[in-house]
């Protein structure tokens, strides 16, 4: 049974950071459920689209600071919240899923998002890490066992 609270923890040893990212359960994206169940705190989240073959496709992994996870996820799943026609088409009538990990440290959030981006999108990393550590390591925990990094 998975009973760990979602979030980010960090241990530092010899100038290296060892992060543990514990995800919330993967949930179907519904703006009403997001409003009721997602905390309005800082953190990071992933957004997925289910394709016709019932395979999850990662759309984004990003941080939420101002406005918190609740408002950022709601905006991310709402096709009317974007003027980008490609993004709008991507969201229209899509079966979307999300998961999140809250954190009170913006520097930890940025380090983890940077680490994930270097693994997911190595040629298109759009965030900077905090610069506090010589090297960073990350292990993920997820109740539904959905992992993208080895």
C-alpha atoms as a PDB file:
ATOM      1  CA  UNK A   1       0.000   0.000   0.000  1.00  0.00           C
ATOM      2  CA  UNK A   2       1.282   3.443  -0.955  1.00  0.00           C
ATOM      3  CA  UNK A   3       0.770   5.843   1.926  1.00  0.00           C
ATOM      4  CA  UNK A   4       3.497   8.413   1.430  1.00  0.00           C
ATOM      5  CA  UNK A   5       2.576  12.042   1.221  1.00  0.00           C
ATOM      6  CA  UNK A   6       3.419  13.700  -2.115  1.00  0.00           C
ATOM      7  CA  UNK A   7       6.296  16.167  -2.032  1.00  0.00           C
ATOM      8  CA  UNK A   8      10.017  16.720  -2.484  1.00  0.00           C
ATOM      9  CA  UNK A   9      12.676  15.816   0.065  1.00  0.00           C
ATOM     10  CA  UNK A  10      16.399  16.517  -0.152  1.00  0.00           C
ATOM     11  CA  UNK A  11      19.562  15.255   1.496  1.00  0.00           C
ATOM     12  CA  UNK A  12      22.912  16.915   0.921  1.00  0.00           C
ATOM     13  CA  UNK A  13      26.220  15.082   1.150  1.00  0.00           C
ATOM     14  CA  UNK A  14      29.627  16.381   0.048  1.00  0.00           C
ATOM     15  CA  UNK A  15      28.085  19.189  -2.023  1.00  0.00           C
ATOM     16  CA  UNK A  16      25.729  16.824  -3.883  1.00  0.00           C
ATOM     17  CA  UNK A  17      21.939  16.856  -3.556  1.00  0.00           C
ATOM     18  CA  UNK A  18      19.907  13.658  -3.365  1.00  0.00           C
ATOM     19  CA  UNK A  19      16.259  14.404  -4.069  1.00  0.00           C
ATOM     20  CA  UNK A  20      13.281  12.129  -3.573  1.00  0.00           C
ATOM     21  CA  UNK A  21      10.230  13.123  -5.585  1.00  0.00           C
ATOM     22  CA  UNK A  22       7.020  11.548  -4.313  1.00  0.00           C
ATOM     23  CA  UNK A  23       4.128  12.027  -6.723  1.00  0.00           C
ATOM     24  CA  UNK A  24       0.435  12.228  -5.925  1.00  0.00           C
ATOM     25  CA  UNK A  25      -1.689   9.507  -7.531  1.00  0.00           C
ATOM     26  CA  UNK A  26      -2.281  10.055 -11.243  1.00  0.00           C
ATOM     27  CA  UNK A  27      -5.792  11.508 -11.652  1.00  0.00           C
ATOM     28  CA  UNK A  28      -8.067  12.202 -14.575  1.00  0.00           C
ATOM     29  CA  UNK A  29      -8.086  15.952 -15.156  1.00  0.00           C
ATOM     30  CA  UNK A  30     -11.416  17.534 -14.398  1.00  0.00           C
ATOM     31  CA  UNK A  31     -11.553  21.228 -13.478  1.00  0.00           C
ATOM     32  CA  UNK A  32     -14.086  20.623 -10.710  1.00  0.00           C
ATOM     33  CA  UNK A  33     -12.040  17.820  -9.148  1.00  0.00           C
ATOM     34  CA  UNK A  34      -8.881  19.916  -9.426  1.00  0.00           C
ATOM     35  CA  UNK A  35     -10.656  22.750  -7.612  1.00  0.00           C
ATOM     36  CA  UNK A  36     -11.757  20.447  -4.810  1.00  0.00           C
ATOM     37  CA  UNK A  37      -8.759  18.130  -4.425  1.00  0.00           C
ATOM     38  CA  UNK A  38      -5.535  19.886  -5.477  1.00  0.00           C
ATOM     39  CA  UNK A  39      -3.893  22.077  -2.844  1.00  0.00           C
ATOM     40  CA  UNK A  40      -3.289  25.734  -3.608  1.00  0.00           C
ATOM     41  CA  UNK A  41       0.418  25.574  -2.724  1.00  0.00           C
ATOM     42  CA  UNK A  42       3.694  25.695  -4.634  1.00  0.00           C
ATOM     43  CA  UNK A  43       5.060  22.575  -6.294  1.00  0.00           C
ATOM     44  CA  UNK A  44       5.508  20.863  -9.634  1.00  0.00           C
ATOM     45  CA  UNK A  45       3.162  18.876 -11.806  1.00  0.00           C
ATOM     46  CA  UNK A  46       3.001  16.723 -14.900  1.00  0.00           C
ATOM     47  CA  UNK A  47       0.207  16.746 -17.460  1.00  0.00           C
ATOM     48  CA  UNK A  48      -0.547  13.765 -19.708  1.00  0.00           C
ATOM     49  CA  UNK A  49      -2.868  12.995 -22.611  1.00  0.00           C
ATOM     50  CA  UNK A  50      -4.226   9.482 -23.152  1.00  0.00           C
ATOM     51  CA  UNK A  51      -4.026   8.458 -26.812  1.00  0.00           C
ATOM     52  CA  UNK A  52      -6.282   6.119 -28.774  1.00  0.00           C
ATOM     53  CA  UNK A  53      -4.099   3.143 -27.841  1.00  0.00           C
ATOM     54  CA  UNK A  54      -4.606   4.002 -24.145  1.00  0.00           C
ATOM     55  CA  UNK A  55      -1.006   5.117 -23.750  1.00  0.00           C
ATOM     56  CA  UNK A  56      -0.121   8.129 -21.618  1.00  0.00           C
ATOM     57  CA  UNK A  57       1.771  10.863 -23.470  1.00  0.00           C
ATOM     58  CA  UNK A  58       3.598  13.483 -21.421  1.00  0.00           C
ATOM     59  CA  UNK A  59       2.505  16.995 -22.404  1.00  0.00           C
ATOM     60  CA  UNK A  60       4.389  19.000 -19.800  1.00  0.00           C
ATOM     61  CA  UNK A  61       6.236  19.032 -16.526  1.00  0.00           C
ATOM     62  CA  UNK A  62       6.463  22.405 -14.885  1.00  0.00           C
ATOM     63  CA  UNK A  63       6.513  24.312 -11.643  1.00  0.00           C
ATOM     64  CA  UNK A  64       3.752  26.240  -9.927  1.00  0.00           C
ATOM     65  CA  UNK A  65       4.655  29.054  -7.586  1.00  0.00           C
ATOM     66  CA  UNK A  66       2.373  32.059  -7.716  1.00  0.00           C
ATOM     67  CA  UNK A  67      -1.226  30.904  -7.697  1.00  0.00           C
ATOM     68  CA  UNK A  68      -0.206  27.428  -6.637  1.00  0.00           C
ATOM     69  CA  UNK A  69      -0.794  23.984  -8.069  1.00  0.00           C
ATOM     70  CA  UNK A  70      -4.578  24.263  -8.127  1.00  0.00           C
ATOM     71  CA  UNK A  71      -4.756  27.333 -10.366  1.00  0.00           C
ATOM     72  CA  UNK A  72      -1.842  26.270 -12.586  1.00  0.00           C
ATOM     73  CA  UNK A  73      -3.273  22.818 -13.252  1.00  0.00           C
ATOM     74  CA  UNK A  74      -6.735  24.251 -13.896  1.00  0.00           C
ATOM     75  CA  UNK A  75      -5.287  26.678 -16.448  1.00  0.00           C
ATOM     76  CA  UNK A  76      -3.164  23.920 -18.026  1.00  0.00           C
ATOM     77  CA  UNK A  77      -6.170  21.660 -18.684  1.00  0.00           C
ATOM     78  CA  UNK A  78      -8.566  24.377 -19.903  1.00  0.00           C
ATOM     79  CA  UNK A  79      -8.511  24.819 -23.701  1.00  0.00           C
ATOM     80  CA  UNK A  80     -10.176  28.224 -23.304  1.00  0.00           C
ATOM     81  CA  UNK A  81      -7.280  29.475 -21.160  1.00  0.00           C
ATOM     82  CA  UNK A  82      -4.867  29.606 -24.121  1.00  0.00           C
ATOM     83  CA  UNK A  83      -4.657  31.612 -27.320  1.00  0.00           C
ATOM     84  CA  UNK A  84      -2.196  29.135 -28.848  1.00  0.00           C
ATOM     85  CA  UNK A  85      -4.153  27.211 -31.526  1.00  0.00           C
ATOM     86  CA  UNK A  86      -1.817  24.192 -31.319  1.00  0.00           C
ATOM     87  CA  UNK A  87      -2.165  23.999 -27.533  1.00  0.00           C
ATOM     88  CA  UNK A  88      -5.936  24.536 -27.760  1.00  0.00           C
ATOM     89  CA  UNK A  89      -6.269  21.662 -30.259  1.00  0.00           C
ATOM     90  CA  UNK A  90      -4.076  19.480 -28.042  1.00  0.00           C
ATOM     91  CA  UNK A  91      -6.451  20.018 -25.094  1.00  0.00           C
ATOM     92  CA  UNK A  92      -9.818  20.012 -26.909  1.00  0.00           C
ATOM     93  CA  UNK A  93     -11.715  16.798 -26.196  1.00  0.00           C
ATOM     94  CA  UNK A  94      -8.561  15.180 -24.811  1.00  0.00           C
ATOM     95  CA  UNK A  95      -8.511  12.666 -22.004  1.00  0.00           C
ATOM     96  CA  UNK A  96      -6.040  14.391 -19.684  1.00  0.00           C
ATOM     97  CA  UNK A  97      -4.332  13.197 -16.508  1.00  0.00           C
ATOM     98  CA  UNK A  98      -2.159  14.977 -13.971  1.00  0.00           C
ATOM     99  CA  UNK A  99      -0.070  14.372 -10.887  1.00  0.00           C
ATOM    100  CA  UNK A 100       1.764  16.745  -8.596  1.00  0.00           C
ATOM    101  CA  UNK A 101       4.251  17.124  -5.772  1.00  0.00           C
ATOM    102  CA  UNK A 102       4.002  20.123  -3.440  1.00  0.00           C
ATOM    103  CA  UNK A 103       7.059  21.881  -1.987  1.00  0.00           C
ATOM    104  CA  UNK A 104       7.719  25.038  -0.005  1.00  0.00           C
ATOM    105  CA  UNK A 105      11.162  25.549  -1.581  1.00  0.00           C
ATOM    106  CA  UNK A 106      11.262  27.215  -4.998  1.00  0.00           C
ATOM    107  CA  UNK A 107      14.943  26.253  -5.310  1.00  0.00           C
ATOM    108  CA  UNK A 108      14.137  22.561  -4.721  1.00  0.00           C
ATOM    109  CA  UNK A 109      11.262  22.753  -7.218  1.00  0.00           C
ATOM    110  CA  UNK A 110      13.523  24.294  -9.871  1.00  0.00           C
ATOM    111  CA  UNK A 111      16.249  21.709  -9.269  1.00  0.00           C
ATOM    112  CA  UNK A 112      13.784  18.832  -9.660  1.00  0.00           C
ATOM    113  CA  UNK A 113      12.052  20.329 -12.724  1.00  0.00           C
ATOM    114  CA  UNK A 114      15.486  20.948 -14.301  1.00  0.00           C
ATOM    115  CA  UNK A 115      16.495  17.344 -13.565  1.00  0.00           C
ATOM    116  CA  UNK A 116      13.273  16.004 -15.098  1.00  0.00           C
ATOM    117  CA  UNK A 117      13.619  18.239 -18.167  1.00  0.00           C
ATOM    118  CA  UNK A 118      17.191  17.026 -18.768  1.00  0.00           C
ATOM    119  CA  UNK A 119      15.848  13.462 -18.789  1.00  0.00           C
ATOM    120  CA  UNK A 120      12.610  14.059 -20.685  1.00  0.00           C
ATOM    121  CA  UNK A 121      13.666  16.790 -23.125  1.00  0.00           C
ATOM    122  CA  UNK A 122      17.489  16.809 -23.174  1.00  0.00           C
ATOM    123  CA  UNK A 123      17.642  19.073 -26.245  1.00  0.00           C
ATOM    124  CA  UNK A 124      15.007  21.525 -24.991  1.00  0.00           C
ATOM    125  CA  UNK A 125      15.641  22.272 -21.296  1.00  0.00           C
ATOM    126  CA  UNK A 126      13.762  25.479 -20.508  1.00  0.00           C
ATOM    127  CA  UNK A 127      14.489  25.925 -16.807  1.00  0.00           C
ATOM    128  CA  UNK A 128      17.622  26.581 -14.789  1.00  0.00           C
ATOM    129  CA  UNK A 129      18.564  24.738 -11.626  1.00  0.00           C
ATOM    130  CA  UNK A 130      19.332  26.653  -8.439  1.00  0.00           C
ATOM    131  CA  UNK A 131      23.104  26.322  -8.810  1.00  0.00           C
ATOM    132  CA  UNK A 132      23.487  25.291  -5.166  1.00  0.00           C
ATOM    133  CA  UNK A 133      24.918  21.823  -5.740  1.00  0.00           C
ATOM    134  CA  UNK A 134      27.810  20.277  -7.607  1.00  0.00           C
ATOM    135  CA  UNK A 135      25.682  17.317  -8.737  1.00  0.00           C
ATOM    136  CA  UNK A 136      22.063  16.286  -8.271  1.00  0.00           C
ATOM    137  CA  UNK A 137      20.440  12.880  -8.105  1.00  0.00           C
ATOM    138  CA  UNK A 138      16.734  12.072  -8.155  1.00  0.00           C
ATOM    139  CA  UNK A 139      14.638   9.088  -7.206  1.00  0.00           C
ATOM    140  CA  UNK A 140      10.908   8.980  -7.869  1.00  0.00           C
ATOM    141  CA  UNK A 141       8.104   7.344  -5.946  1.00  0.00           C
ATOM    142  CA  UNK A 142       4.619   7.027  -7.410  1.00  0.00           C
ATOM    143  CA  UNK A 143       1.594   5.128  -6.103  1.00  0.00           C
ATOM    144  CA  UNK A 144       0.626   4.061  -9.648  1.00  0.00           C
ATOM    145  CA  UNK A 145       4.208   3.124 -10.619  1.00  0.00           C
ATOM    146  CA  UNK A 146       4.348   5.517 -13.614  1.00  0.00           C
ATOM    147  CA  UNK A 147       8.012   6.449 -14.054  1.00  0.00           C
ATOM    148  CA  UNK A 148       9.758   8.162 -16.959  1.00  0.00           C
ATOM    149  CA  UNK A 149      13.336   8.138 -15.707  1.00  0.00           C
ATOM    150  CA  UNK A 150      15.376   4.982 -15.201  1.00  0.00           C
END
